[in-house]
């Protein structure tokens, strides 16, 4: 994957190359019905297949209860700077949401690591579409990843509860001929 962005030091555009290191496999074939976030996925199971050339990087990962999956929103609609997120009917700036239609379609999910068998990770609390390209894995460490916060913007006004995605951020499904 090639990405174009502006350098912090000047206004010229730079390209960045990312490699897909695996695929995320889940029961979710389309956005509609997919849990909105991993904390709302209620144990939904999936697997993460790491390509063999990256399997050595899994060494010592089994000691972590949760991991961050960093992935590419490959089926999101093109970039939008304002969106109506799943949790609200009001328009917000994309950077104040977790909507997938971002300038760089990067997604993150904290999933429970159940087991590692060679180059396949069994995970729970997964909220990702089946076949999503995996870009990276990082261990979830409460020492580094948990912060007490007093405000969460517009999300503070949304009543808690289980939410599932609709199809507002997906490409339309093509009809089979």
Foldseek 3Di string as FASTA:
>chain_A
DWAWDADPVDGHIDIDDFDQQWWKAFPAAAQFFFWPALVQQVFGKTKTFGPLVCLVVCPPVVVFFKKKWKFFPPFFDAADQWDADQQGNDIDGVVLDQAQNHSGRIHIHIWTFDDDDRRMTMTTSDRDHGGTGTGDMGGDDCVPHDDDDDDSPPVVVGDDDTTGGRRPTGDDDDDDD
